[in-house]
C-alpha atoms as a PDB file:
ATOM      1  CA  MET A   1      12.900  -0.751  -3.208  1.00  0.00           C
ATOM      2  CA  ALA A   2      12.311   2.964  -3.640  1.00  0.00           C
ATOM      3  CA  THR A   3       8.772   3.058  -2.271  1.00  0.00           C
ATOM      4  CA  ASP A   4       8.398   6.744  -3.139  1.00  0.00           C
ATOM      5  CA  LYS A   5       8.368   5.705  -6.827  1.00  0.00           C
ATOM      6  CA  TYR A   6       6.218   2.643  -6.300  1.00  0.00           C
ATOM      7  CA  LEU A   7       3.361   4.081  -4.252  1.00  0.00           C
ATOM      8  CA  TRP A   8       0.703   6.405  -5.583  1.00  0.00           C
ATOM      9  CA  VAL A   9      -1.186   8.928  -3.446  1.00  0.00           C
ATOM     10  CA  LYS A  10      -4.716  10.074  -4.242  1.00  0.00           C
ATOM     11  CA  LYS A  11      -6.116  12.806  -2.043  1.00  0.00           C
ATOM     12  CA  GLY A  12      -9.884  12.750  -1.684  1.00  0.00           C
ATOM     13  CA  GLU A  13     -12.295  15.035   0.151  1.00  0.00           C
ATOM     14  CA  ASN A  14     -11.909  13.359   3.569  1.00  0.00           C
ATOM     15  CA  THR A  15      -9.226  10.718   3.083  1.00  0.00           C
ATOM     16  CA  THR A  16      -6.035  10.045   1.170  1.00  0.00           C
ATOM     17  CA  ARG A  17      -5.637   6.643  -0.486  1.00  0.00           C
ATOM     18  CA  ILE A  18      -2.255   4.961  -0.959  1.00  0.00           C
ATOM     19  CA  GLY A  19      -1.671   2.253  -3.547  1.00  0.00           C
ATOM     20  CA  LEU A  20       0.895   0.358  -5.576  1.00  0.00           C
ATOM     21  CA  THR A  21       1.898   1.860  -8.928  1.00  0.00           C
ATOM     22  CA  ALA A  22       2.272  -0.144 -12.119  1.00  0.00           C
ATOM     23  CA  ALA A  23       6.056   0.312 -11.781  1.00  0.00           C
ATOM     24  CA  GLY A  24       5.862  -1.139  -8.269  1.00  0.00           C
ATOM     25  CA  GLN A  25       3.827  -4.078  -9.502  1.00  0.00           C
ATOM     26  CA  GLU A  26       6.400  -4.813 -12.180  1.00  0.00           C
ATOM     27  CA  ALA A  27       9.343  -4.485  -9.784  1.00  0.00           C
ATOM     28  CA  LEU A  28       7.760  -6.894  -7.290  1.00  0.00           C
ATOM     29  CA  GLY A  29       6.359  -9.503  -9.629  1.00  0.00           C
ATOM     30  CA  LYS A  30       3.506 -11.748  -8.517  1.00  0.00           C
ATOM     31  CA  VAL A  31       2.438 -10.843  -4.962  1.00  0.00           C
ATOM     32  CA  LYS A  32       2.131 -13.827  -2.601  1.00  0.00           C
ATOM     33  CA  PHE A  33       1.486 -12.216   0.801  1.00  0.00           C
ATOM     34  CA  ILE A  34       0.748  -8.791   2.276  1.00  0.00           C
ATOM     35  CA  ASP A  35       0.787  -7.494   5.832  1.00  0.00           C
ATOM     36  CA  LEU A  36      -1.388  -4.370   6.075  1.00  0.00           C
ATOM     37  CA  PRO A  37      -1.309  -1.695   8.788  1.00  0.00           C
ATOM     38  CA  VAL A  38      -3.905  -1.586  11.578  1.00  0.00           C
ATOM     39  CA  VAL A  39      -6.907   0.750  11.325  1.00  0.00           C
ATOM     40  CA  GLY A  40      -6.640   3.497  13.944  1.00  0.00           C
ATOM     41  CA  ARG A  41      -2.837   3.614  13.891  1.00  0.00           C
ATOM     42  CA  GLU A  42      -1.267   7.044  13.547  1.00  0.00           C
ATOM     43  CA  ILE A  43       1.550   7.163  11.029  1.00  0.00           C
ATOM     44  CA  LYS A  44       4.089   9.709   9.877  1.00  0.00           C
ATOM     45  CA  VAL A  45       5.898  10.027   6.567  1.00  0.00           C
ATOM     46  CA  GLY A  46       8.534   7.288   6.446  1.00  0.00           C
ATOM     47  CA  ASP A  47       6.856   4.976   8.967  1.00  0.00           C
ATOM     48  CA  SER A  48       6.564   1.319   8.047  1.00  0.00           C
ATOM     49  CA  THR A  49       3.026   0.574   6.885  1.00  0.00           C
ATOM     50  CA  GLY A  50       3.250  -3.070   5.988  1.00  0.00           C
ATOM     51  CA  GLU A  51       5.182  -5.693   4.137  1.00  0.00           C
ATOM     52  CA  VAL A  52       4.739  -7.393   0.794  1.00  0.00           C
ATOM     53  CA  GLU A  53       6.192 -10.750  -0.176  1.00  0.00           C
ATOM     54  CA  ALA A  54       6.346 -11.207  -3.914  1.00  0.00           C
ATOM     55  CA  GLN A  55       8.035 -13.241  -6.617  1.00  0.00           C
ATOM     56  CA  LYS A  56      10.985 -10.847  -7.032  1.00  0.00           C
ATOM     57  CA  ALA A  57      11.317  -9.223  -3.600  1.00  0.00           C
ATOM     58  CA  VAL A  58      10.131  -8.877  -0.029  1.00  0.00           C
ATOM     59  CA  ILE A  59       9.752  -5.227   0.882  1.00  0.00           C
ATOM     60  CA  GLU A  60       8.509  -3.051   3.682  1.00  0.00           C
ATOM     61  CA  PHE A  61       6.481  -0.030   2.585  1.00  0.00           C
ATOM     62  CA  GLU A  62       7.282   3.400   3.995  1.00  0.00           C
ATOM     63  CA  SER A  63       4.325   5.740   4.216  1.00  0.00           C
ATOM     64  CA  PRO A  64       4.408   8.716   1.853  1.00  0.00           C
ATOM     65  CA  VAL A  65       1.868  10.554   4.062  1.00  0.00           C
ATOM     66  CA  SER A  66       1.049  11.280   7.696  1.00  0.00           C
ATOM     67  CA  GLY A  67      -2.315  10.697   9.358  1.00  0.00           C
ATOM     68  CA  THR A  68      -4.495   8.115  11.058  1.00  0.00           C
ATOM     69  CA  ILE A  69      -5.267   4.949   9.125  1.00  0.00           C
ATOM     70  CA  VAL A  70      -9.027   4.836   8.647  1.00  0.00           C
ATOM     71  CA  MET A  71      -9.334   1.967   6.154  1.00  0.00           C
ATOM     72  CA  VAL A  72      -7.282  -0.880   4.691  1.00  0.00           C
ATOM     73  CA  ASN A  73      -7.992  -2.943   1.596  1.00  0.00           C
ATOM     74  CA  ASP A  74      -9.191  -6.069   3.441  1.00  0.00           C
ATOM     75  CA  LYS A  75      -9.634  -7.928   0.145  1.00  0.00           C
ATOM     76  CA  LEU A  76      -5.833  -8.191  -0.077  1.00  0.00           C
ATOM     77  CA  THR A  77      -5.612 -10.369   3.034  1.00  0.00           C
ATOM     78  CA  ASP A  78      -7.188 -13.364   1.290  1.00  0.00           C
ATOM     79  CA  ASN A  79      -6.298 -12.296  -2.268  1.00  0.00           C
ATOM     80  CA  PRO A  80      -2.907 -10.526  -2.306  1.00  0.00           C
ATOM     81  CA  GLU A  81      -2.712 -11.138  -6.043  1.00  0.00           C
ATOM     82  CA  LEU A  82      -5.210  -8.271  -6.454  1.00  0.00           C
ATOM     83  CA  LEU A  83      -2.137  -6.038  -6.187  1.00  0.00           C
ATOM     84  CA  ASN A  84      -1.152  -7.360  -9.604  1.00  0.00           C
ATOM     85  CA  GLY A  85      -4.293  -5.965 -11.210  1.00  0.00           C
ATOM     86  CA  SER A  86      -5.087  -2.471 -12.380  1.00  0.00           C
ATOM     87  CA  GLU A  87      -3.224   0.320 -10.605  1.00  0.00           C
ATOM     88  CA  LYS A  88      -6.578   1.853  -9.577  1.00  0.00           C
ATOM     89  CA  ASP A  89      -7.586  -1.334  -7.739  1.00  0.00           C
ATOM     90  CA  ALA A  90      -4.132  -1.938  -6.204  1.00  0.00           C
ATOM     91  CA  TRP A  91      -4.729   0.263  -3.157  1.00  0.00           C
ATOM     92  CA  LEU A  92      -3.367  -0.526   0.290  1.00  0.00           C
ATOM     93  CA  PHE A  93      -4.838   1.868   2.856  1.00  0.00           C
ATOM     94  CA  GLU A  94      -6.429   5.264   3.496  1.00  0.00           C
ATOM     95  CA  VAL A  95      -5.578   7.944   6.047  1.00  0.00           C
ATOM     96  CA  ASN A  96      -7.652  10.870   7.231  1.00  0.00           C
ATOM     97  CA  ASN A  97      -6.907  14.295   5.749  1.00  0.00           C
END
């Protein structure tokens, strides 16, 4: 899966949020499980930042940004299907700017 096309990046004042695009949602199908990165972990562009198991594929996400992970979308742990909602709500993690 070409994660550069399927992840969106939204730079804020102090953090940058990474999420799943509508195209990514469609390519994956219904999400069944997600493994999110650990808060405090330093990542570089291209590093693995988690895995998603879905109806159509199991993929490992490669980070489109570098930084320290400061927040993950904990709601996805118990409700991975939230990634099949609106693109705005389908966020995975945030890194510091």
